[in-house]
Amino acid sequence: MAVGSGASVAAMGGRTTLVLYLLALVAVVVGSDFLLFRHHFWARLLANVGIVLIFGALYLRFPSAIRGG
């Protein structure tokens, strides 16, 4: 097998997509915390839970697009 075989390149692309997806999740959570809910603990907590639930639903709905499969 060659060093850059198709299976390993596809697996790396899937990991890259997943890492970018998780970085987008973190960016949205942190951005909303700092921009909108800085001094509102309960609103921040509820918004963060909602954002994670939405990202989780998208992950479950479109797993092949996110995992790169």
C-alpha atoms as a PDB file:
ATOM      1  CA  MET A   1       0.000   0.000   0.000  1.00  0.00           C
ATOM      2  CA  ALA A   2       1.102   3.502  -0.720  1.00  0.00           C
ATOM      3  CA  VAL A   3       1.620   5.971   2.071  1.00  0.00           C
ATOM      4  CA  GLY A   4      -1.314   8.177   1.004  1.00  0.00           C
ATOM      5  CA  SER A   5      -3.855   5.448   0.248  1.00  0.00           C
ATOM      6  CA  GLY A   6      -7.458   6.433  -0.415  1.00  0.00           C
ATOM      7  CA  ALA A   7      -8.819   4.984   2.839  1.00  0.00           C
ATOM      8  CA  SER A   8      -6.434   6.913   5.054  1.00  0.00           C
ATOM      9  CA  VAL A   9      -7.034  10.151   3.134  1.00  0.00           C
ATOM     10  CA  ALA A  10     -10.807   9.698   3.474  1.00  0.00           C
ATOM     11  CA  ALA A  11     -10.483   9.001   7.199  1.00  0.00           C
ATOM     12  CA  MET A  12      -8.376  12.110   7.649  1.00  0.00           C
ATOM     13  CA  GLY A  13     -10.951  14.187   5.759  1.00  0.00           C
ATOM     14  CA  GLY A  14     -13.683  12.866   8.050  1.00  0.00           C
ATOM     15  CA  ARG A  15     -11.695  13.756  11.134  1.00  0.00           C
ATOM     16  CA  THR A  16     -10.964  17.207   9.771  1.00  0.00           C
ATOM     17  CA  THR A  17     -14.652  17.828   9.137  1.00  0.00           C
ATOM     18  CA  LEU A  18     -15.536  16.632  12.633  1.00  0.00           C
ATOM     19  CA  VAL A  19     -12.874  18.856  14.201  1.00  0.00           C
ATOM     20  CA  LEU A  20     -14.174  21.849  12.237  1.00  0.00           C
ATOM     21  CA  TYR A  21     -17.722  21.011  13.354  1.00  0.00           C
ATOM     22  CA  LEU A  22     -16.636  20.919  17.004  1.00  0.00           C
ATOM     23  CA  LEU A  23     -14.683  24.159  16.610  1.00  0.00           C
ATOM     24  CA  ALA A  24     -17.812  25.786  15.151  1.00  0.00           C
ATOM     25  CA  LEU A  25     -19.782  24.568  18.186  1.00  0.00           C
ATOM     26  CA  VAL A  26     -17.246  26.059  20.584  1.00  0.00           C
ATOM     27  CA  ALA A  27     -17.122  29.323  18.618  1.00  0.00           C
ATOM     28  CA  VAL A  28     -20.910  29.700  18.692  1.00  0.00           C
ATOM     29  CA  VAL A  29     -21.124  28.936  22.422  1.00  0.00           C
ATOM     30  CA  VAL A  30     -18.274  31.257  23.408  1.00  0.00           C
ATOM     31  CA  GLY A  31     -19.419  33.976  21.017  1.00  0.00           C
ATOM     32  CA  SER A  32     -22.957  33.958  22.347  1.00  0.00           C
ATOM     33  CA  ASP A  33     -21.645  33.976  25.932  1.00  0.00           C
ATOM     34  CA  PHE A  34     -19.497  37.039  25.403  1.00  0.00           C
ATOM     35  CA  LEU A  35     -21.776  38.988  23.074  1.00  0.00           C
ATOM     36  CA  LEU A  36     -25.232  38.321  24.477  1.00  0.00           C
ATOM     37  CA  PHE A  37     -25.255  36.697  27.915  1.00  0.00           C
ATOM     38  CA  ARG A  38     -22.227  38.024  29.772  1.00  0.00           C
ATOM     39  CA  HIS A  39     -24.070  38.956  32.982  1.00  0.00           C
ATOM     40  CA  HIS A  40     -27.041  36.589  32.782  1.00  0.00           C
ATOM     41  CA  PHE A  41     -26.086  33.202  34.219  1.00  0.00           C
ATOM     42  CA  TRP A  42     -29.358  31.313  33.723  1.00  0.00           C
ATOM     43  CA  ALA A  43     -29.983  32.706  30.245  1.00  0.00           C
ATOM     44  CA  ARG A  44     -26.413  31.761  29.305  1.00  0.00           C
ATOM     45  CA  LEU A  45     -26.858  28.251  30.656  1.00  0.00           C
ATOM     46  CA  LEU A  46     -30.141  27.721  28.805  1.00  0.00           C
ATOM     47  CA  ALA A  47     -28.725  29.156  25.578  1.00  0.00           C
ATOM     48  CA  ASN A  48     -25.642  26.929  25.794  1.00  0.00           C
ATOM     49  CA  VAL A  49     -27.774  23.835  26.377  1.00  0.00           C
ATOM     50  CA  GLY A  50     -29.964  24.807  23.427  1.00  0.00           C
ATOM     51  CA  ILE A  51     -26.968  25.360  21.147  1.00  0.00           C
ATOM     52  CA  VAL A  52     -25.457  21.990  22.078  1.00  0.00           C
ATOM     53  CA  LEU A  53     -28.823  20.276  21.496  1.00  0.00           C
ATOM     54  CA  ILE A  54     -29.126  21.881  18.058  1.00  0.00           C
ATOM     55  CA  PHE A  55     -25.591  20.866  17.092  1.00  0.00           C
ATOM     56  CA  GLY A  56     -26.275  17.354  18.424  1.00  0.00           C
ATOM     57  CA  ALA A  57     -29.491  17.095  16.401  1.00  0.00           C
ATOM     58  CA  LEU A  58     -27.664  18.201  13.255  1.00  0.00           C
ATOM     59  CA  TYR A  59     -24.921  15.672  13.965  1.00  0.00           C
ATOM     60  CA  LEU A  60     -27.491  12.886  14.290  1.00  0.00           C
ATOM     61  CA  ARG A  61     -29.471  14.071  11.257  1.00  0.00           C
ATOM     62  CA  PHE A  62     -26.520  14.476   8.884  1.00  0.00           C
ATOM     63  CA  PRO A  63     -23.829  12.085  10.165  1.00  0.00           C
ATOM     64  CA  SER A  64     -22.281  11.299   6.786  1.00  0.00           C
ATOM     65  CA  ALA A  65     -21.820  14.964   5.899  1.00  0.00           C
ATOM     66  CA  ILE A  66     -20.147  15.707   9.236  1.00  0.00           C
ATOM     67  CA  ARG A  67     -18.079  12.552   9.541  1.00  0.00           C
ATOM     68  CA  GLY A  68     -17.065  12.711   5.886  1.00  0.00           C
ATOM     69  CA  GLY A  69     -18.507   9.316   5.000  1.00  0.00           C
END
